[in-house]
Amino acid sequence: MSSPDVTVILDQSKELDRLRKDQEVILLEINKMHKKLQSTPEVVEKPGDNSLSRLKTLYIQAKELSETEVAVSSQLLINLDALIPSGPPGQQRRRMEGNEQKKKRMKVDPDVPRLSPSLRNHLDHLASLKGEQVAARVTQEDADKDEWFIVKVIHFDREIREFEVLDEEPGDDEEPAGQRKYKLPMSHIIPFPKRNDPSTAQDFPPGKHVLAVYPGTTALYKATVVNTRKRKTDDYILEFDDDEEDGSLPQRNVPFHKVVALPDGHRQ
């Protein structure tokens, strides 16, 4: 096998990896749009709303990526076949029959998305959060501000990438039963670091903006890191936004396992 041939095959493999990652991003965006339209179908009737146009664009991108992947895969197979020595007639026939079976399966299940190992591992991790407490944004995408609370994961649906969670301690204005369930997309959930495993926690430097549980509550708010921690198990000293007392922001201790990265575009 010559070096140029190997280089071409490796380049095509890298291209396939890139295409699949791009497809995963598009699939996640499509799922978000489906969720939005299912929860608020009336939004498409609002003047200036481009939800349907955006969804169409996403499907066009997904189709183009899929067609490109097929083209690259076909060329890669041709290159591999040219380099693999031909075996006995029976072996060659079995390989061809196997390819035919694969094509049949692909025709029967054309809409089944292929998951990369990284995405599959990520989904496995999210499914393993059942029974654990996580940070959840319970407000809709178009809300004026983001509201984050500690909730308990009841179930994670891998097919539609959706969490079912339970707010075990809602406020006084919530449902009288004392608990409330939500169905939330992946983007609305942030796992907490594990209390007994500090290595799962990020190390935020002084001046960094974070999302943290306000002491004595089950709500999370934007805060700024004040201290440099000596050990990963040490508490953070934080100054919460809008927590002013006597003209200054009090510094509050928060356990490391109740502090997470501030999501991009956080509104408060």
C-alpha atoms as a PDB file:
ATOM      1  CA  MET A   1       0.000   0.000   0.000  1.00  0.00           C
ATOM      2  CA  SER A   2       1.637   3.259  -1.104  1.00  0.00           C
ATOM      3  CA  SER A   3       1.797   6.405   1.040  1.00  0.00           C
ATOM      4  CA  PRO A   4      -0.279   8.606  -1.294  1.00  0.00           C
ATOM      5  CA  ASP A   5      -3.098   6.056  -1.198  1.00  0.00           C
ATOM      6  CA  VAL A   6      -3.026   5.981   2.587  1.00  0.00           C
ATOM      7  CA  THR A   7      -3.020   9.785   2.721  1.00  0.00           C
ATOM      8  CA  VAL A   8      -6.077  10.019   0.481  1.00  0.00           C
ATOM      9  CA  ILE A   9      -7.983   7.456   2.566  1.00  0.00           C
ATOM     10  CA  LEU A  10      -7.089   9.220   5.831  1.00  0.00           C
ATOM     11  CA  ASP A  11      -8.193  12.578   4.391  1.00  0.00           C
ATOM     12  CA  GLN A  12     -11.512  11.056   3.323  1.00  0.00           C
ATOM     13  CA  SER A  13     -11.972   9.536   6.793  1.00  0.00           C
ATOM     14  CA  LYS A  14     -11.349  12.921   8.396  1.00  0.00           C
ATOM     15  CA  GLU A  15     -13.856  14.479   6.014  1.00  0.00           C
ATOM     16  CA  LEU A  16     -16.463  11.894   7.051  1.00  0.00           C
ATOM     17  CA  ASP A  17     -15.830  12.692  10.730  1.00  0.00           C
ATOM     18  CA  ARG A  18     -16.295  16.390  10.028  1.00  0.00           C
ATOM     19  CA  LEU A  19     -19.489  15.781   8.069  1.00  0.00           C
ATOM     20  CA  ARG A  20     -20.974  13.655  10.847  1.00  0.00           C
ATOM     21  CA  LYS A  21     -20.145  16.258  13.483  1.00  0.00           C
ATOM     22  CA  ASP A  22     -21.811  18.919  11.327  1.00  0.00           C
ATOM     23  CA  GLN A  23     -24.857  16.659  10.968  1.00  0.00           C
ATOM     24  CA  GLU A  24     -25.074  16.213  14.739  1.00  0.00           C
ATOM     25  CA  VAL A  25     -25.122  19.984  15.205  1.00  0.00           C
ATOM     26  CA  ILE A  26     -27.874  20.365  12.582  1.00  0.00           C
ATOM     27  CA  LEU A  27     -29.913  17.519  14.145  1.00  0.00           C
ATOM     28  CA  LEU A  28     -29.757  19.202  17.556  1.00  0.00           C
ATOM     29  CA  GLU A  29     -30.932  22.501  16.028  1.00  0.00           C
ATOM     30  CA  ILE A  30     -33.789  20.713  14.241  1.00  0.00           C
ATOM     31  CA  ASN A  31     -34.855  19.079  17.519  1.00  0.00           C
ATOM     32  CA  LYS A  32     -34.858  22.490  19.210  1.00  0.00           C
ATOM     33  CA  MET A  33     -37.079  23.917  16.476  1.00  0.00           C
ATOM     34  CA  HIS A  34     -39.445  20.926  16.734  1.00  0.00           C
ATOM     35  CA  LYS A  35     -39.706  21.470  20.484  1.00  0.00           C
ATOM     36  CA  LYS A  36     -40.409  25.175  20.020  1.00  0.00           C
ATOM     37  CA  LEU A  37     -43.121  24.571  17.439  1.00  0.00           C
ATOM     38  CA  GLN A  38     -44.720  21.811  19.507  1.00  0.00           C
ATOM     39  CA  SER A  39     -44.876  23.915  22.655  1.00  0.00           C
ATOM     40  CA  THR A  40     -45.884  27.201  20.993  1.00  0.00           C
ATOM     41  CA  PRO A  41     -47.348  26.471  17.525  1.00  0.00           C
ATOM     42  CA  GLU A  42     -49.002  29.877  17.460  1.00  0.00           C
ATOM     43  CA  VAL A  43     -45.600  31.545  17.138  1.00  0.00           C
ATOM     44  CA  VAL A  44     -45.576  30.954  13.359  1.00  0.00           C
ATOM     45  CA  GLU A  45     -48.572  33.277  13.014  1.00  0.00           C
ATOM     46  CA  LYS A  46     -46.739  36.218  14.542  1.00  0.00           C
ATOM     47  CA  PRO A  47     -45.599  38.911  12.072  1.00  0.00           C
ATOM     48  CA  GLY A  48     -41.925  38.595  11.284  1.00  0.00           C
ATOM     49  CA  ASP A  49     -41.525  35.084  12.709  1.00  0.00           C
ATOM     50  CA  ASN A  50     -39.103  32.998  10.641  1.00  0.00           C
ATOM     51  CA  SER A  51     -39.406  29.679  12.467  1.00  0.00           C
ATOM     52  CA  LEU A  52     -40.632  27.732   9.424  1.00  0.00           C
ATOM     53  CA  SER A  53     -38.035  29.299   7.141  1.00  0.00           C
ATOM     54  CA  ARG A  54     -35.335  28.465   9.654  1.00  0.00           C
ATOM     55  CA  LEU A  55     -36.575  24.872   9.896  1.00  0.00           C
ATOM     56  CA  LYS A  56     -36.585  24.544   6.103  1.00  0.00           C
ATOM     57  CA  THR A  57     -33.027  25.864   5.935  1.00  0.00           C
ATOM     58  CA  LEU A  58     -31.913  23.354   8.551  1.00  0.00           C
ATOM     59  CA  TYR A  59     -33.468  20.452   6.632  1.00  0.00           C
ATOM     60  CA  ILE A  60     -31.803  21.630   3.411  1.00  0.00           C
ATOM     61  CA  GLN A  61     -28.449  21.736   5.218  1.00  0.00           C
ATOM     62  CA  ALA A  62     -29.045  18.271   6.679  1.00  0.00           C
ATOM     63  CA  LYS A  63     -29.915  16.905   3.213  1.00  0.00           C
ATOM     64  CA  GLU A  64     -26.809  18.441   1.624  1.00  0.00           C
ATOM     65  CA  LEU A  65     -24.551  17.083   4.367  1.00  0.00           C
ATOM     66  CA  SER A  66     -26.108  13.631   4.018  1.00  0.00           C
ATOM     67  CA  GLU A  67     -25.626  13.628   0.244  1.00  0.00           C
ATOM     68  CA  THR A  68     -22.019  14.762   0.630  1.00  0.00           C
ATOM     69  CA  GLU A  69     -21.407  12.005   3.173  1.00  0.00           C
ATOM     70  CA  VAL A  70     -22.761   9.405   0.738  1.00  0.00           C
ATOM     71  CA  ALA A  71     -20.482  10.726  -2.014  1.00  0.00           C
ATOM     72  CA  VAL A  72     -17.372  10.714   0.191  1.00  0.00           C
ATOM     73  CA  SER A  73     -18.221   7.270   1.601  1.00  0.00           C
ATOM     74  CA  SER A  74     -18.678   5.844  -1.898  1.00  0.00           C
ATOM     75  CA  GLN A  75     -15.318   7.201  -3.031  1.00  0.00           C
ATOM     76  CA  LEU A  76     -13.649   5.893   0.113  1.00  0.00           C
ATOM     77  CA  LEU A  77     -15.068   2.413  -0.521  1.00  0.00           C
ATOM     78  CA  ILE A  78     -13.778   2.509  -4.091  1.00  0.00           C
ATOM     79  CA  ASN A  79     -10.287   3.416  -2.878  1.00  0.00           C
ATOM     80  CA  LEU A  80     -10.344   0.684  -0.239  1.00  0.00           C
ATOM     81  CA  ASP A  81     -11.546  -1.942  -2.707  1.00  0.00           C
ATOM     82  CA  ALA A  82      -8.709  -1.005  -5.052  1.00  0.00           C
ATOM     83  CA  LEU A  83      -6.152  -1.638  -2.311  1.00  0.00           C
ATOM     84  CA  ILE A  84      -7.585  -4.786  -0.709  1.00  0.00           C
ATOM     85  CA  PRO A  85      -6.345  -7.976  -2.389  1.00  0.00           C
ATOM     86  CA  SER A  86      -9.098 -10.053  -3.913  1.00  0.00           C
ATOM     87  CA  GLY A  87      -9.840 -13.225  -1.954  1.00  0.00           C
ATOM     88  CA  PRO A  88     -11.236 -16.543  -3.147  1.00  0.00           C
ATOM     89  CA  PRO A  89     -14.439 -16.334  -5.209  1.00  0.00           C
ATOM     90  CA  GLY A  90     -16.544 -17.472  -2.270  1.00  0.00           C
ATOM     91  CA  GLN A  91     -15.074 -14.809   0.013  1.00  0.00           C
ATOM     92  CA  GLN A  92     -15.634 -12.109  -2.602  1.00  0.00           C
ATOM     93  CA  ARG A  93     -19.237 -13.250  -3.074  1.00  0.00           C
ATOM     94  CA  ARG A  94     -19.883 -13.149   0.690  1.00  0.00           C
ATOM     95  CA  ARG A  95     -18.516  -9.632   0.844  1.00  0.00           C
ATOM     96  CA  MET A  96     -20.779  -8.538  -2.007  1.00  0.00           C
ATOM     97  CA  GLU A  97     -23.775 -10.200  -0.381  1.00  0.00           C
ATOM     98  CA  GLY A  98     -22.946  -8.458   2.864  1.00  0.00           C
ATOM     99  CA  ASN A  99     -22.845  -5.111   1.066  1.00  0.00           C
ATOM    100  CA  GLU A 100     -26.220  -5.833  -0.510  1.00  0.00           C
ATOM    101  CA  GLN A 101     -27.700  -6.608   2.919  1.00  0.00           C
ATOM    102  CA  LYS A 102     -26.264  -3.365   4.245  1.00  0.00           C
ATOM    103  CA  LYS A 103     -27.823  -1.425   1.365  1.00  0.00           C
ATOM    104  CA  LYS A 104     -31.180  -3.055   2.055  1.00  0.00           C
ATOM    105  CA  ARG A 105     -31.006  -2.047   5.716  1.00  0.00           C
ATOM    106  CA  MET A 106     -30.120   1.493   4.724  1.00  0.00           C
ATOM    107  CA  LYS A 107     -33.149   1.628   2.411  1.00  0.00           C
ATOM    108  CA  VAL A 108     -35.466   0.289   5.103  1.00  0.00           C
ATOM    109  CA  ASP A 109     -34.211   2.726   7.763  1.00  0.00           C
ATOM    110  CA  PRO A 110     -33.256   5.900   5.867  1.00  0.00           C
ATOM    111  CA  ASP A 111     -34.251   8.239   8.699  1.00  0.00           C
ATOM    112  CA  VAL A 112     -32.259   6.594  11.496  1.00  0.00           C
ATOM    113  CA  PRO A 113     -29.459   9.056  12.376  1.00  0.00           C
ATOM    114  CA  ARG A 114     -25.929   7.738  12.741  1.00  0.00           C
ATOM    115  CA  LEU A 115     -24.394   8.735  16.054  1.00  0.00           C
ATOM    116  CA  SER A 116     -20.708   9.395  16.465  1.00  0.00           C
ATOM    117  CA  PRO A 117     -18.977   7.714  19.433  1.00  0.00           C
ATOM    118  CA  SER A 118     -18.595  11.101  21.152  1.00  0.00           C
ATOM    119  CA  LEU A 119     -22.297  11.936  20.869  1.00  0.00           C
ATOM    120  CA  ARG A 120     -23.274   8.400  21.903  1.00  0.00           C
ATOM    121  CA  ASN A 121     -21.082   8.706  25.011  1.00  0.00           C
ATOM    122  CA  HIS A 122     -22.603  12.108  25.771  1.00  0.00           C
ATOM    123  CA  LEU A 123     -26.133  10.702  25.526  1.00  0.00           C
ATOM    124  CA  ASP A 124     -25.123   7.771  27.754  1.00  0.00           C
ATOM    125  CA  HIS A 125     -23.853  10.250  30.341  1.00  0.00           C
ATOM    126  CA  LEU A 126     -27.086  12.257  30.233  1.00  0.00           C
ATOM    127  CA  ALA A 127     -29.154   9.075  30.626  1.00  0.00           C
ATOM    128  CA  SER A 128     -27.053   8.162  33.683  1.00  0.00           C
ATOM    129  CA  LEU A 129     -28.218  11.355  35.447  1.00  0.00           C
ATOM    130  CA  LYS A 130     -31.545   9.730  36.368  1.00  0.00           C
ATOM    131  CA  GLY A 131     -32.238  10.333  40.063  1.00  0.00           C
ATOM    132  CA  GLU A 132     -29.576  13.049  40.371  1.00  0.00           C
ATOM    133  CA  GLN A 133     -29.981  16.754  40.976  1.00  0.00           C
ATOM    134  CA  VAL A 134     -29.062  19.096  38.125  1.00  0.00           C
ATOM    135  CA  ALA A 135     -29.370  22.770  37.264  1.00  0.00           C
ATOM    136  CA  ALA A 136     -32.331  23.406  34.952  1.00  0.00           C
ATOM    137  CA  ARG A 137     -33.513  26.448  33.054  1.00  0.00           C
ATOM    138  CA  VAL A 138     -37.292  26.264  33.322  1.00  0.00           C
ATOM    139  CA  THR A 139     -38.097  29.331  31.198  1.00  0.00           C
ATOM    140  CA  GLN A 140     -38.815  29.252  27.455  1.00  0.00           C
ATOM    141  CA  GLU A 141     -36.362  30.405  24.784  1.00  0.00           C
ATOM    142  CA  ASP A 142     -38.212  33.698  24.261  1.00  0.00           C
ATOM    143  CA  ALA A 143     -38.536  34.595  27.955  1.00  0.00           C
ATOM    144  CA  ASP A 144     -37.292  38.000  29.129  1.00  0.00           C
ATOM    145  CA  LYS A 145     -34.959  36.384  31.637  1.00  0.00           C
ATOM    146  CA  ASP A 146     -33.578  32.932  32.428  1.00  0.00           C
ATOM    147  CA  GLU A 147     -34.669  31.187  35.628  1.00  0.00           C
ATOM    148  CA  TRP A 148     -32.513  28.320  36.880  1.00  0.00           C
ATOM    149  CA  PHE A 149     -33.442  25.904  39.673  1.00  0.00           C
ATOM    150  CA  ILE A 150     -32.202  22.691  41.222  1.00  0.00           C
ATOM    151  CA  VAL A 151     -34.333  19.824  39.915  1.00  0.00           C
ATOM    152  CA  LYS A 152     -34.234  16.026  40.035  1.00  0.00           C
ATOM    153  CA  VAL A 153     -33.913  14.054  36.797  1.00  0.00           C
ATOM    154  CA  ILE A 154     -36.785  11.582  36.321  1.00  0.00           C
ATOM    155  CA  HIS A 155     -36.052  10.436  32.774  1.00  0.00           C
ATOM    156  CA  PHE A 156     -33.997  11.271  29.681  1.00  0.00           C
ATOM    157  CA  ASP A 157     -35.479  10.455  26.271  1.00  0.00           C
ATOM    158  CA  ARG A 158     -32.580   9.702  23.930  1.00  0.00           C
ATOM    159  CA  GLU A 159     -34.755   9.810  20.797  1.00  0.00           C
ATOM    160  CA  ILE A 160     -35.984  13.387  21.160  1.00  0.00           C
ATOM    161  CA  ARG A 161     -33.098  14.485  23.449  1.00  0.00           C
ATOM    162  CA  GLU A 162     -35.479  15.654  26.194  1.00  0.00           C
ATOM    163  CA  PHE A 163     -35.343  15.543  29.996  1.00  0.00           C
ATOM    164  CA  GLU A 164     -38.254  15.041  32.343  1.00  0.00           C
ATOM    165  CA  VAL A 165     -37.377  16.658  35.668  1.00  0.00           C
ATOM    166  CA  LEU A 166     -39.025  17.349  39.018  1.00  0.00           C
ATOM    167  CA  ASP A 167     -38.806  20.603  40.949  1.00  0.00           C
ATOM    168  CA  GLU A 168     -39.123  19.222  44.463  1.00  0.00           C
ATOM    169  CA  GLU A 169     -39.238  22.618  46.222  1.00  0.00           C
ATOM    170  CA  PRO A 170     -41.107  25.178  44.070  1.00  0.00           C
ATOM    171  CA  GLY A 171     -41.873  28.648  45.401  1.00  0.00           C
ATOM    172  CA  ASP A 172     -45.011  29.635  47.283  1.00  0.00           C
ATOM    173  CA  ASP A 173     -46.716  30.704  44.062  1.00  0.00           C
ATOM    174  CA  GLU A 174     -46.245  27.295  42.447  1.00  0.00           C
ATOM    175  CA  GLU A 175     -48.596  24.318  42.403  1.00  0.00           C
ATOM    176  CA  PRO A 176     -50.196  23.466  45.769  1.00  0.00           C
ATOM    177  CA  ALA A 177     -49.013  19.857  45.540  1.00  0.00           C
ATOM    178  CA  GLY A 178     -45.537  21.143  46.363  1.00  0.00           C
ATOM    179  CA  GLN A 179     -43.772  19.623  43.354  1.00  0.00           C
ATOM    180  CA  ARG A 180     -43.757  20.431  39.661  1.00  0.00           C
ATOM    181  CA  LYS A 181     -42.591  18.498  36.599  1.00  0.00           C
ATOM    182  CA  TYR A 182     -40.969  19.955  33.496  1.00  0.00           C
ATOM    183  CA  LYS A 183     -39.971  18.552  30.109  1.00  0.00           C
ATOM    184  CA  LEU A 184     -36.826  20.332  28.975  1.00  0.00           C
ATOM    185  CA  PRO A 185     -34.377  20.085  26.056  1.00  0.00           C
ATOM    186  CA  MET A 186     -30.730  19.155  26.602  1.00  0.00           C
ATOM    187  CA  SER A 187     -29.662  22.791  26.328  1.00  0.00           C
ATOM    188  CA  HIS A 188     -31.680  23.633  29.472  1.00  0.00           C
ATOM    189  CA  ILE A 189     -29.808  21.181  31.713  1.00  0.00           C
ATOM    190  CA  ILE A 190     -26.393  21.520  33.375  1.00  0.00           C
ATOM    191  CA  PRO A 191     -25.119  18.621  35.527  1.00  0.00           C
ATOM    192  CA  PHE A 192     -23.527  19.596  38.824  1.00  0.00           C
ATOM    193  CA  PRO A 193     -20.007  18.446  39.736  1.00  0.00           C
ATOM    194  CA  LYS A 194     -20.043  15.379  41.952  1.00  0.00           C
ATOM    195  CA  ARG A 195     -19.693  16.214  45.644  1.00  0.00           C
ATOM    196  CA  ASN A 196     -17.406  13.206  46.260  1.00  0.00           C
ATOM    197  CA  ASP A 197     -15.327  13.707  43.103  1.00  0.00           C
ATOM    198  CA  PRO A 198     -13.836  17.237  42.858  1.00  0.00           C
ATOM    199  CA  SER A 199     -12.088  16.269  39.601  1.00  0.00           C
ATOM    200  CA  THR A 200     -15.474  16.610  37.857  1.00  0.00           C
ATOM    201  CA  ALA A 201     -15.597  20.319  38.741  1.00  0.00           C
ATOM    202  CA  GLN A 202     -14.213  23.168  36.667  1.00  0.00           C
ATOM    203  CA  ASP A 203     -11.756  25.511  38.360  1.00  0.00           C
ATOM    204  CA  PHE A 204     -13.011  29.079  37.932  1.00  0.00           C
ATOM    205  CA  PRO A 205     -10.448  31.883  38.490  1.00  0.00           C
ATOM    206  CA  PRO A 206     -11.191  35.159  40.318  1.00  0.00           C
ATOM    207  CA  GLY A 207     -13.247  37.527  38.181  1.00  0.00           C
ATOM    208  CA  LYS A 208     -14.942  34.713  36.293  1.00  0.00           C
ATOM    209  CA  HIS A 209     -18.730  34.882  35.914  1.00  0.00           C
ATOM    210  CA  VAL A 210     -20.490  31.670  36.964  1.00  0.00           C
ATOM    211  CA  LEU A 211     -23.946  30.282  37.687  1.00  0.00           C
ATOM    212  CA  ALA A 212     -24.315  29.273  41.319  1.00  0.00           C
ATOM    213  CA  VAL A 213     -26.889  28.207  43.890  1.00  0.00           C
ATOM    214  CA  TYR A 214     -27.740  31.137  46.160  1.00  0.00           C
ATOM    215  CA  PRO A 215     -27.208  30.048  49.802  1.00  0.00           C
ATOM    216  CA  GLY A 216     -30.356  28.803  51.516  1.00  0.00           C
ATOM    217  CA  THR A 217     -32.327  28.440  48.259  1.00  0.00           C
ATOM    218  CA  THR A 218     -32.731  26.049  45.325  1.00  0.00           C
ATOM    219  CA  ALA A 219     -32.305  28.830  42.741  1.00  0.00           C
ATOM    220  CA  LEU A 220     -29.207  29.644  40.708  1.00  0.00           C
ATOM    221  CA  TYR A 221     -28.043  33.143  39.821  1.00  0.00           C
ATOM    222  CA  LYS A 222     -25.177  34.815  38.033  1.00  0.00           C
ATOM    223  CA  ALA A 223     -22.217  35.521  40.313  1.00  0.00           C
ATOM    224  CA  THR A 224     -18.564  36.553  40.167  1.00  0.00           C
ATOM    225  CA  VAL A 225     -15.726  34.508  41.669  1.00  0.00           C
ATOM    226  CA  VAL A 226     -13.786  36.434  44.308  1.00  0.00           C
ATOM    227  CA  ASN A 227     -11.249  33.996  45.749  1.00  0.00           C
ATOM    228  CA  THR A 228      -8.437  31.775  44.539  1.00  0.00           C
ATOM    229  CA  ARG A 229      -9.101  28.325  45.989  1.00  0.00           C
ATOM    230  CA  LYS A 230      -6.164  26.393  47.412  1.00  0.00           C
ATOM    231  CA  ARG A 231      -7.864  23.005  47.073  1.00  0.00           C
ATOM    232  CA  LYS A 232     -10.494  21.762  44.649  1.00  0.00           C
ATOM    233  CA  THR A 233     -12.736  20.874  47.603  1.00  0.00           C
ATOM    234  CA  ASP A 234     -12.703  24.438  48.985  1.00  0.00           C
ATOM    235  CA  ASP A 235     -15.831  26.573  48.769  1.00  0.00           C
ATOM    236  CA  TYR A 236     -16.044  29.406  46.298  1.00  0.00           C
ATOM    237  CA  ILE A 237     -16.434  32.935  47.615  1.00  0.00           C
ATOM    238  CA  LEU A 238     -18.877  34.662  45.284  1.00  0.00           C
ATOM    239  CA  GLU A 239     -20.542  38.013  44.768  1.00  0.00           C
ATOM    240  CA  PHE A 240     -24.036  37.552  43.337  1.00  0.00           C
ATOM    241  CA  ASP A 241     -25.416  40.106  40.915  1.00  0.00           C
ATOM    242  CA  ASP A 242     -28.285  42.233  42.303  1.00  0.00           C
ATOM    243  CA  ASP A 243     -27.422  41.128  45.863  1.00  0.00           C
ATOM    244  CA  GLU A 244     -26.473  44.578  47.070  1.00  0.00           C
ATOM    245  CA  GLU A 245     -26.549  45.353  50.802  1.00  0.00           C
ATOM    246  CA  ASP A 246     -25.725  48.828  52.146  1.00  0.00           C
ATOM    247  CA  GLY A 247     -24.218  49.891  48.836  1.00  0.00           C
ATOM    248  CA  SER A 248     -21.930  46.869  48.357  1.00  0.00           C
ATOM    249  CA  LEU A 249     -22.126  43.223  47.290  1.00  0.00           C
ATOM    250  CA  PRO A 250     -21.700  40.778  50.189  1.00  0.00           C
ATOM    251  CA  GLN A 251     -19.323  37.866  49.647  1.00  0.00           C
ATOM    252  CA  ARG A 252     -20.994  34.491  50.089  1.00  0.00           C
ATOM    253  CA  ASN A 253     -19.552  30.994  50.456  1.00  0.00           C
ATOM    254  CA  VAL A 254     -20.894  28.400  47.985  1.00  0.00           C
ATOM    255  CA  PRO A 255     -19.764  24.729  47.841  1.00  0.00           C
ATOM    256  CA  PHE A 256     -17.792  23.860  44.693  1.00  0.00           C
ATOM    257  CA  HIS A 257     -20.419  21.300  43.666  1.00  0.00           C
ATOM    258  CA  LYS A 258     -23.095  24.013  43.450  1.00  0.00           C
ATOM    259  CA  VAL A 259     -21.170  26.181  40.970  1.00  0.00           C
ATOM    260  CA  VAL A 260     -21.257  25.683  37.166  1.00  0.00           C
ATOM    261  CA  ALA A 261     -20.189  27.610  34.088  1.00  0.00           C
ATOM    262  CA  LEU A 262     -22.404  30.523  33.090  1.00  0.00           C
ATOM    263  CA  PRO A 263     -24.263  29.602  29.876  1.00  0.00           C
ATOM    264  CA  ASP A 264     -23.651  31.738  26.815  1.00  0.00           C
ATOM    265  CA  GLY A 265     -26.301  34.408  26.335  1.00  0.00           C
ATOM    266  CA  HIS A 266     -27.558  34.186  29.937  1.00  0.00           C
ATOM    267  CA  ARG A 267     -30.365  36.705  30.582  1.00  0.00           C
ATOM    268  CA  GLN A 268     -31.359  38.022  33.965  1.00  0.00           C
END
